[in-house]
């Protein structure tokens, strides 16, 4: 069960990371963009790490407070929830 959760978490974070890269490419090429709300929502289901890495690697949305505040805060909340669940179920 834990292996499935870890694989799913990796895949979802990879999708979030790739989505930020796709939007950055679209911005460079002046193409249709992924809405900002969608990019933020990509960080919500325990995928803030992938979204934050996408922001940093692709230098995308790093100047917008909506992103540079929200995504790291989501990551902190997600880490807190993971630690809480690990302590609750494994200790």
PDB file of N, CA and C in Angstrom:
ATOM      1  N   UNK A   1       0.823  -1.201   0.000  1.00  0.00           N
ATOM      2  CA  UNK A   1       0.000   0.000   0.000  1.00  0.00           C
ATOM      3  C   UNK A   1       0.867   1.266   0.000  1.00  0.00           C
ATOM      4  N   UNK A   2       1.908   1.268   0.839  1.00  0.00           N
ATOM      5  CA  UNK A   2       2.784   2.429   0.909  1.00  0.00           C
ATOM      6  C   UNK A   2       3.482   2.659  -0.430  1.00  0.00           C
ATOM      7  N   UNK A   3       3.867   1.575  -1.089  1.00  0.00           N
ATOM      8  CA  UNK A   3       4.540   1.693  -2.386  1.00  0.00           C
ATOM      9  C   UNK A   3       3.619   2.354  -3.406  1.00  0.00           C
ATOM     10  N   UNK A   4       2.347   2.008  -3.402  1.00  0.00           N
ATOM     11  CA  UNK A   4       1.378   2.597  -4.330  1.00  0.00           C
ATOM     12  C   UNK A   4       1.221   4.091  -4.048  1.00  0.00           C
ATOM     13  N   UNK A   5       1.136   4.451  -2.780  1.00  0.00           N
ATOM     14  CA  UNK A   5       0.988   5.860  -2.404  1.00  0.00           C
ATOM     15  C   UNK A   5       2.211   6.662  -2.842  1.00  0.00           C
ATOM     16  N   UNK A   6       3.408   6.097  -2.641  1.00  0.00           N
ATOM     17  CA  UNK A   6       4.631   6.797  -3.048  1.00  0.00           C
ATOM     18  C   UNK A   6       4.709   6.957  -4.564  1.00  0.00           C
ATOM     19  N   UNK A   7       4.358   5.919  -5.297  1.00  0.00           N
ATOM     20  CA  UNK A   7       4.373   5.996  -6.765  1.00  0.00           C
ATOM     21  C   UNK A   7       3.355   7.020  -7.245  1.00  0.00           C
ATOM     22  N   UNK A   8       2.152   6.984  -6.686  1.00  0.00           N
ATOM     23  CA  UNK A   8       1.113   7.939  -7.063  1.00  0.00           C
ATOM     24  C   UNK A   8       1.553   9.365  -6.749  1.00  0.00           C
ATOM     25  N   UNK A   9       2.155   9.565  -5.579  1.00  0.00           N
ATOM     26  CA  UNK A   9       2.649  10.895  -5.217  1.00  0.00           C
ATOM     27  C   UNK A   9       3.712  11.386  -6.183  1.00  0.00           C
ATOM     28  N   UNK A  10       4.624  10.499  -6.572  1.00  0.00           N
ATOM     29  CA  UNK A  10       5.663  10.869  -7.528  1.00  0.00           C
ATOM     30  C   UNK A  10       5.060  11.259  -8.868  1.00  0.00           C
ATOM     31  N   UNK A  11       4.128  10.451  -9.362  1.00  0.00           N
ATOM     32  CA  UNK A  11       3.510  10.714 -10.667  1.00  0.00           C
ATOM     33  C   UNK A  11       2.738  12.030 -10.642  1.00  0.00           C
ATOM     34  N   UNK A  12       1.978  12.271  -9.589  1.00  0.00           N
ATOM     35  CA  UNK A  12       1.199  13.511  -9.500  1.00  0.00           C
ATOM     36  C   UNK A  12       2.113  14.737  -9.409  1.00  0.00           C
ATOM     37  N   UNK A  13       3.200  14.626  -8.649  1.00  0.00           N
ATOM     38  CA  UNK A  13       4.146  15.741  -8.567  1.00  0.00           C
ATOM     39  C   UNK A  13       4.842  15.964  -9.897  1.00  0.00           C
ATOM     40  N   UNK A  14       5.130  14.898 -10.617  1.00  0.00           N
ATOM     41  CA  UNK A  14       5.735  15.014 -11.944  1.00  0.00           C
ATOM     42  C   UNK A  14       4.780  15.726 -12.901  1.00  0.00           C
ATOM     43  N   UNK A  15       3.493  15.402 -12.819  1.00  0.00           N
ATOM     44  CA  UNK A  15       2.494  16.064 -13.671  1.00  0.00           C
ATOM     45  C   UNK A  15       2.437  17.561 -13.350  1.00  0.00           C
ATOM     46  N   UNK A  16       2.443  17.912 -12.068  1.00  0.00           N
ATOM     47  CA  UNK A  16       2.435  19.329 -11.683  1.00  0.00           C
ATOM     48  C   UNK A  16       3.682  20.031 -12.217  1.00  0.00           C
ATOM     49  N   UNK A  17       4.841  19.395 -12.063  1.00  0.00           N
ATOM     50  CA  UNK A  17       6.105  19.958 -12.549  1.00  0.00           C
ATOM     51  C   UNK A  17       6.046  20.195 -14.056  1.00  0.00           C
ATOM     52  N   UNK A  18       5.600  19.202 -14.792  1.00  0.00           N
ATOM     53  CA  UNK A  18       5.519  19.298 -16.252  1.00  0.00           C
ATOM     54  C   UNK A  18       4.524  20.376 -16.673  1.00  0.00           C
ATOM     55  N   UNK A  19       3.432  20.502 -15.935  1.00  0.00           N
ATOM     56  CA  UNK A  19       2.418  21.509 -16.265  1.00  0.00           C
ATOM     57  C   UNK A  19       2.999  22.922 -16.176  1.00  0.00           C
ATOM     58  N   UNK A  20       3.807  23.178 -15.165  1.00  0.00           N
ATOM     59  CA  UNK A  20       4.448  24.489 -15.055  1.00  0.00           C
ATOM     60  C   UNK A  20       5.417  24.709 -16.211  1.00  0.00           C
ATOM     61  N   UNK A  21       6.120  23.658 -16.611  1.00  0.00           N
ATOM     62  CA  UNK A  21       7.022  23.763 -17.756  1.00  0.00           C
ATOM     63  C   UNK A  21       6.279  24.032 -19.050  1.00  0.00           C
ATOM     64  N   UNK A  22       5.147  23.374 -19.223  1.00  0.00           N
ATOM     65  CA  UNK A  22       4.337  23.585 -20.431  1.00  0.00           C
ATOM     66  C   UNK A  22       3.842  25.020 -20.482  1.00  0.00           C
ATOM     67  N   UNK A  23       3.367  25.522 -19.338  1.00  0.00           N
ATOM     68  CA  UNK A  23       2.863  26.894 -19.335  1.00  0.00           C
ATOM     69  C   UNK A  23       3.984  27.897 -19.601  1.00  0.00           C
ATOM     70  N   UNK A  24       5.170  27.637 -19.090  1.00  0.00           N
ATOM     71  CA  UNK A  24       6.302  28.528 -19.363  1.00  0.00           C
ATOM     72  C   UNK A  24       6.630  28.532 -20.859  1.00  0.00           C
ATOM     73  N   UNK A  25       6.627  27.346 -21.462  1.00  0.00           N
ATOM     74  CA  UNK A  25       6.893  27.253 -22.908  1.00  0.00           C
ATOM     75  C   UNK A  25       5.840  28.030 -23.692  1.00  0.00           C
ATOM     76  N   UNK A  26       4.571  27.891 -23.276  1.00  0.00           N
ATOM     77  CA  UNK A  26       3.498  28.617 -23.945  1.00  0.00           C
ATOM     78  C   UNK A  26       3.670  30.128 -23.783  1.00  0.00           C
ATOM     79  N   UNK A  27       4.138  30.548 -22.613  1.00  0.00           N
ATOM     80  CA  UNK A  27       4.363  31.984 -22.384  1.00  0.00           C
ATOM     81  C   UNK A  27       5.456  32.504 -23.307  1.00  0.00           C
ATOM     82  N   UNK A  28       6.516  31.741 -23.452  1.00  0.00           N
ATOM     83  CA  UNK A  28       7.622  32.160 -24.326  1.00  0.00           C
ATOM     84  C   UNK A  28       7.154  32.260 -25.771  1.00  0.00           C
ATOM     85  N   UNK A  29       6.305  31.325 -26.192  1.00  0.00           N
ATOM     86  CA  UNK A  29       5.833  31.270 -27.581  1.00  0.00           C
ATOM     87  C   UNK A  29       4.561  32.085 -27.819  1.00  0.00           C
ATOM     88  N   UNK A  30       4.124  32.844 -26.808  1.00  0.00           N
ATOM     89  CA  UNK A  30       2.912  33.665 -26.916  1.00  0.00           C
ATOM     90  C   UNK A  30       1.707  32.833 -27.358  1.00  0.00           C
ATOM     91  N   UNK A  31       1.597  31.641 -26.817  1.00  0.00           N
ATOM     92  CA  UNK A  31       0.489  30.735 -27.146  1.00  0.00           C
ATOM     93  C   UNK A  31      -0.562  30.807 -26.036  1.00  0.00           C
ATOM     94  N   UNK A  32      -1.646  30.070 -26.243  1.00  0.00           N
ATOM     95  CA  UNK A  32      -2.699  29.971 -25.237  1.00  0.00           C
ATOM     96  C   UNK A  32      -2.088  29.454 -23.950  1.00  0.00           C
ATOM     97  N   UNK A  33      -2.464  30.052 -22.818  1.00  0.00           N
ATOM     98  CA  UNK A  33      -1.856  29.728 -21.532  1.00  0.00           C
ATOM     99  C   UNK A  33      -2.790  28.932 -20.654  1.00  0.00           C
ATOM    100  N   UNK A  34      -2.216  28.235 -19.717  1.00  0.00           N
ATOM    101  CA  UNK A  34      -2.976  27.543 -18.676  1.00  0.00           C
ATOM    102  C   UNK A  34      -3.388  28.602 -17.656  1.00  0.00           C
ATOM    103  N   UNK A  35      -4.662  28.660 -17.287  1.00  0.00           N
ATOM    104  CA  UNK A  35      -5.098  29.685 -16.327  1.00  0.00           C
ATOM    105  C   UNK A  35      -4.339  29.575 -15.000  1.00  0.00           C
ATOM    106  N   UNK A  36      -4.092  30.723 -14.369  1.00  0.00           N
ATOM    107  CA  UNK A  36      -3.363  30.748 -13.104  1.00  0.00           C
ATOM    108  C   UNK A  36      -4.065  29.926 -12.034  1.00  0.00           C
ATOM    109  N   UNK A  37      -5.383  29.993 -11.998  1.00  0.00           N
ATOM    110  CA  UNK A  37      -6.118  29.209 -11.000  1.00  0.00           C
ATOM    111  C   UNK A  37      -5.858  27.716 -11.175  1.00  0.00           C
ATOM    112  N   UNK A  38      -5.758  27.277 -12.408  1.00  0.00           N
ATOM    113  CA  UNK A  38      -5.476  25.871 -12.671  1.00  0.00           C
ATOM    114  C   UNK A  38      -4.083  25.504 -12.179  1.00  0.00           C
ATOM    115  N   UNK A  39      -3.117  26.377 -12.408  1.00  0.00           N
ATOM    116  CA  UNK A  39      -1.765  26.108 -11.934  1.00  0.00           C
ATOM    117  C   UNK A  39      -1.725  26.028 -10.405  1.00  0.00           C
ATOM    118  N   UNK A  40      -2.437  26.908  -9.731  1.00  0.00           N
ATOM    119  CA  UNK A  40      -2.499  26.854  -8.267  1.00  0.00           C
ATOM    120  C   UNK A  40      -3.161  25.549  -7.826  1.00  0.00           C
ATOM    121  N   UNK A  41      -4.270  25.182  -8.472  1.00  0.00           N
ATOM    122  CA  UNK A  41      -4.966  23.953  -8.089  1.00  0.00           C
ATOM    123  C   UNK A  41      -4.114  22.711  -8.337  1.00  0.00           C
ATOM    124  N   UNK A  42      -3.190  22.769  -9.265  1.00  0.00           N
ATOM    125  CA  UNK A  42      -2.283  21.641  -9.482  1.00  0.00           C
ATOM    126  C   UNK A  42      -1.409  21.404  -8.252  1.00  0.00           C
ATOM    127  N   UNK A  43      -1.239  22.403  -7.414  1.00  0.00           N
ATOM    128  CA  UNK A  43      -0.397  22.263  -6.227  1.00  0.00           C
ATOM    129  C   UNK A  43      -1.155  21.728  -5.017  1.00  0.00           C
ATOM    130  N   UNK A  44      -2.465  21.638  -5.089  1.00  0.00           N
ATOM    131  CA  UNK A  44      -3.270  21.309  -3.915  1.00  0.00           C
ATOM    132  C   UNK A  44      -3.239  19.826  -3.524  1.00  0.00           C
ATOM    133  N   UNK A  45      -3.430  18.876  -4.436  1.00  0.00           N
ATOM    134  CA  UNK A  45      -3.549  17.468  -3.983  1.00  0.00           C
ATOM    135  C   UNK A  45      -2.187  16.821  -3.685  1.00  0.00           C
ATOM    136  N   UNK A  46      -1.493  17.350  -2.681  1.00  0.00           N
ATOM    137  CA  UNK A  46      -0.172  16.854  -2.271  1.00  0.00           C
ATOM    138  C   UNK A  46       0.838  16.904  -3.413  1.00  0.00           C
ATOM    139  N   UNK A  47       0.729  17.939  -4.235  1.00  0.00           N
ATOM    140  CA  UNK A  47       1.655  18.095  -5.360  1.00  0.00           C
ATOM    141  C   UNK A  47       2.351  19.461  -5.343  1.00  0.00           C
ATOM    142  N   UNK A  48       2.377  20.092  -4.180  1.00  0.00           N
ATOM    143  CA  UNK A  48       3.021  21.401  -4.084  1.00  0.00           C
ATOM    144  C   UNK A  48       4.523  21.303  -4.334  1.00  0.00           C
ATOM    145  N   UNK A  49       5.132  20.178  -3.988  1.00  0.00           N
ATOM    146  CA  UNK A  49       6.562  20.026  -4.237  1.00  0.00           C
ATOM    147  C   UNK A  49       6.851  20.079  -5.737  1.00  0.00           C
ATOM    148  N   UNK A  50       6.068  19.354  -6.527  1.00  0.00           N
ATOM    149  CA  UNK A  50       6.246  19.377  -7.978  1.00  0.00           C
ATOM    150  C   UNK A  50       5.995  20.759  -8.553  1.00  0.00           C
ATOM    151  N   UNK A  51       4.964  21.432  -8.042  1.00  0.00           N
ATOM    152  CA  UNK A  51       4.659  22.783  -8.524  1.00  0.00           C
ATOM    153  C   UNK A  51       5.777  23.749  -8.161  1.00  0.00           C
ATOM    154  N   UNK A  52       6.274  23.671  -6.929  1.00  0.00           N
ATOM    155  CA  UNK A  52       7.356  24.564  -6.513  1.00  0.00           C
ATOM    156  C   UNK A  52       8.630  24.299  -7.312  1.00  0.00           C
ATOM    157  N   UNK A  53       8.957  23.037  -7.524  1.00  0.00           N
ATOM    158  CA  UNK A  53      10.128  22.722  -8.344  1.00  0.00           C
ATOM    159  C   UNK A  53       9.947  23.228  -9.772  1.00  0.00           C
ATOM    160  N   UNK A  54       8.726  23.111 -10.304  1.00  0.00           N
ATOM    161  CA  UNK A  54       8.437  23.637 -11.638  1.00  0.00           C
ATOM    162  C   UNK A  54       8.628  25.145 -11.694  1.00  0.00           C
ATOM    163  N   UNK A  55       8.175  25.834 -10.651  1.00  0.00           N
ATOM    164  CA  UNK A  55       8.360  27.287 -10.597  1.00  0.00           C
ATOM    165  C   UNK A  55       9.839  27.646 -10.607  1.00  0.00           C
ATOM    166  N   UNK A  56      10.620  26.925  -9.810  1.00  0.00           N
ATOM    167  CA  UNK A  56      12.038  27.258  -9.665  1.00  0.00           C
ATOM    168  C   UNK A  56      12.861  26.846 -10.886  1.00  0.00           C
ATOM    169  N   UNK A  57      12.628  25.652 -11.389  1.00  0.00           N
ATOM    170  CA  UNK A  57      13.411  25.158 -12.531  1.00  0.00           C
ATOM    171  C   UNK A  57      13.117  25.954 -13.787  1.00  0.00           C
ATOM    172  N   UNK A  58      11.819  26.237 -14.034  1.00  0.00           N
ATOM    173  CA  UNK A  58      11.436  26.942 -15.253  1.00  0.00           C
ATOM    174  C   UNK A  58      11.375  28.452 -15.054  1.00  0.00           C
ATOM    175  N   UNK A  59      11.694  28.936 -13.846  1.00  0.00           N
ATOM    176  CA  UNK A  59      11.614  30.372 -13.533  1.00  0.00           C
ATOM    177  C   UNK A  59      10.258  30.925 -13.959  1.00  0.00           C
ATOM    178  N   UNK A  60       9.209  30.238 -13.498  1.00  0.00           N
ATOM    179  CA  UNK A  60       7.861  30.563 -13.936  1.00  0.00           C
ATOM    180  C   UNK A  60       6.994  30.939 -12.744  1.00  0.00           C
ATOM    181  N   UNK A  61       6.363  32.084 -12.826  1.00  0.00           N
ATOM    182  CA  UNK A  61       5.458  32.606 -11.800  1.00  0.00           C
ATOM    183  C   UNK A  61       6.180  32.922 -10.490  1.00  0.00           C
ATOM    184  N   UNK A  62       7.480  33.096 -10.532  1.00  0.00           N
ATOM    185  CA  UNK A  62       8.232  33.357  -9.311  1.00  0.00           C
ATOM    186  C   UNK A  62       8.127  34.800  -8.833  1.00  0.00           C
ATOM    187  N   UNK A  63       7.608  35.686  -9.655  1.00  0.00           N
ATOM    188  CA  UNK A  63       7.453  37.083  -9.275  1.00  0.00           C
ATOM    189  C   UNK A  63       6.038  37.413  -8.821  1.00  0.00           C
ATOM    190  N   UNK A  64       5.135  36.452  -8.921  1.00  0.00           N
ATOM    191  CA  UNK A  64       3.738  36.692  -8.567  1.00  0.00           C
ATOM    192  C   UNK A  64       3.478  36.224  -7.137  1.00  0.00           C
ATOM    193  N   UNK A  65       3.050  37.159  -6.253  1.00  0.00           N
ATOM    194  CA  UNK A  65       2.799  36.775  -4.855  1.00  0.00           C
ATOM    195  C   UNK A  65       1.812  35.616  -4.716  1.00  0.00           C
ATOM    196  N   UNK A  66       0.832  35.590  -5.607  1.00  0.00           N
ATOM    197  CA  UNK A  66      -0.146  34.504  -5.562  1.00  0.00           C
ATOM    198  C   UNK A  66       0.550  33.138  -5.612  1.00  0.00           C
ATOM    199  N   UNK A  67       1.669  33.080  -6.296  1.00  0.00           N
ATOM    200  CA  UNK A  67       2.390  31.823  -6.448  1.00  0.00           C
ATOM    201  C   UNK A  67       3.509  31.674  -5.430  1.00  0.00           C
ATOM    202  N   UNK A  68       4.349  32.703  -5.270  1.00  0.00           N
ATOM    203  CA  UNK A  68       5.501  32.519  -4.395  1.00  0.00           C
ATOM    204  C   UNK A  68       5.120  32.493  -2.915  1.00  0.00           C
ATOM    205  N   UNK A  69       3.881  32.829  -2.598  1.00  0.00           N
ATOM    206  CA  UNK A  69       3.388  32.673  -1.227  1.00  0.00           C
ATOM    207  C   UNK A  69       2.558  31.401  -1.099  1.00  0.00           C
ATOM    208  N   UNK A  70       1.612  31.211  -2.002  1.00  0.00           N
ATOM    209  CA  UNK A  70       0.661  30.106  -1.896  1.00  0.00           C
ATOM    210  C   UNK A  70       1.307  28.738  -2.038  1.00  0.00           C
ATOM    211  N   UNK A  71       2.133  28.546  -3.045  1.00  0.00           N
ATOM    212  CA  UNK A  71       2.696  27.217  -3.298  1.00  0.00           C
ATOM    213  C   UNK A  71       3.604  26.760  -2.150  1.00  0.00           C
ATOM    214  N   UNK A  72       4.528  27.591  -1.655  1.00  0.00           N
ATOM    215  CA  UNK A  72       5.318  27.135  -0.498  1.00  0.00           C
ATOM    216  C   UNK A  72       4.476  26.886   0.755  1.00  0.00           C
ATOM    217  N   UNK A  73       3.440  27.703   0.966  1.00  0.00           N
ATOM    218  CA  UNK A  73       2.557  27.462   2.112  1.00  0.00           C
ATOM    219  C   UNK A  73       1.828  26.127   1.973  1.00  0.00           C
ATOM    220  N   UNK A  74       1.365  25.835   0.774  1.00  0.00           N
ATOM    221  CA  UNK A  74       0.734  24.533   0.537  1.00  0.00           C
ATOM    222  C   UNK A  74       1.712  23.396   0.817  1.00  0.00           C
ATOM    223  N   UNK A  75       2.946  23.579   0.413  1.00  0.00           N
ATOM    224  CA  UNK A  75       3.958  22.552   0.662  1.00  0.00           C
ATOM    225  C   UNK A  75       4.158  22.347   2.163  1.00  0.00           C
ATOM    226  N   UNK A  76       4.235  23.430   2.923  1.00  0.00           N
ATOM    227  CA  UNK A  76       4.388  23.305   4.378  1.00  0.00           C
ATOM    228  C   UNK A  76       3.205  22.593   5.009  1.00  0.00           C
ATOM    229  N   UNK A  77       1.998  22.933   4.584  1.00  0.00           N
ATOM    230  CA  UNK A  77       0.802  22.266   5.094  1.00  0.00           C
ATOM    231  C   UNK A  77       0.835  20.781   4.743  1.00  0.00           C
ATOM    232  N   UNK A  78       1.213  20.473   3.513  1.00  0.00           N
ATOM    233  CA  UNK A  78       1.264  19.081   3.082  1.00  0.00           C
ATOM    234  C   UNK A  78       2.315  18.294   3.865  1.00  0.00           C
ATOM    235  N   UNK A  79       3.473  18.894   4.099  1.00  0.00           N
ATOM    236  CA  UNK A  79       4.500  18.221   4.902  1.00  0.00           C
ATOM    237  C   UNK A  79       3.979  17.992   6.323  1.00  0.00           C
ATOM    238  N   UNK A  80       3.327  18.996   6.881  1.00  0.00           N
ATOM    239  CA  UNK A  80       2.743  18.845   8.218  1.00  0.00           C
ATOM    240  C   UNK A  80       1.721  17.717   8.275  1.00  0.00           C
ATOM    241  N   UNK A  81       0.872  17.625   7.268  1.00  0.00           N
ATOM    242  CA  UNK A  81      -0.123  16.548   7.230  1.00  0.00           C
ATOM    243  C   UNK A  81       0.539  15.175   7.096  1.00  0.00           C
ATOM    244  N   UNK A  82       1.552  15.095   6.282  1.00  0.00           N
ATOM    245  CA  UNK A  82       2.256  13.824   6.112  1.00  0.00           C
ATOM    246  C   UNK A  82       2.914  13.403   7.421  1.00  0.00           C
ATOM    247  N   UNK A  83       3.589  14.338   8.085  1.00  0.00           N
ATOM    248  CA  UNK A  83       4.219  14.022   9.372  1.00  0.00           C
ATOM    249  C   UNK A  83       3.167  13.595  10.382  1.00  0.00           C
ATOM    250  N   UNK A  84       2.065  14.312  10.444  1.00  0.00           N
ATOM    251  CA  UNK A  84       0.985  13.961  11.363  1.00  0.00           C
ATOM    252  C   UNK A  84       0.470  12.549  11.089  1.00  0.00           C
ATOM    253  N   UNK A  85       0.209  12.238   9.821  1.00  0.00           N
ATOM    254  CA  UNK A  85      -0.300  10.906   9.483  1.00  0.00           C
ATOM    255  C   UNK A  85       0.719   9.814   9.776  1.00  0.00           C
ATOM    256  N   UNK A  86       1.985  10.082   9.502  1.00  0.00           N
ATOM    257  CA  UNK A  86       3.016   9.089   9.806  1.00  0.00           C
ATOM    258  C   UNK A  86       3.105   8.843  11.307  1.00  0.00           C
ATOM    259  N   UNK A  87       3.051   9.911  12.095  1.00  0.00           N
ATOM    260  CA  UNK A  87       3.101   9.761  13.548  1.00  0.00           C
ATOM    261  C   UNK A  87       1.865   9.045  14.083  1.00  0.00           C
ATOM    262  N   UNK A  88       0.723   9.343  13.516  1.00  0.00           N
ATOM    263  CA  UNK A  88      -0.518   8.748  13.978  1.00  0.00           C
ATOM    264  C   UNK A  88      -0.600   7.263  13.679  1.00  0.00           C
ATOM    265  N   UNK A  89      -0.154   6.859  12.491  1.00  0.00           N
ATOM    266  CA  UNK A  89      -0.338   5.490  12.063  1.00  0.00           C
ATOM    267  C   UNK A  89       0.868   4.586  12.279  1.00  0.00           C
ATOM    268  N   UNK A  90       2.046   5.162  12.431  1.00  0.00           N
ATOM    269  CA  UNK A  90       3.237   4.331  12.538  1.00  0.00           C
ATOM    270  C   UNK A  90       3.960   4.435  13.865  1.00  0.00           C
ATOM    271  N   UNK A  91       3.489   5.305  14.745  1.00  0.00           N
ATOM    272  CA  UNK A  91       4.148   5.420  16.054  1.00  0.00           C
ATOM    273  C   UNK A  91       3.128   5.234  17.152  1.00  0.00           C
TER     274      UNK A  91
END
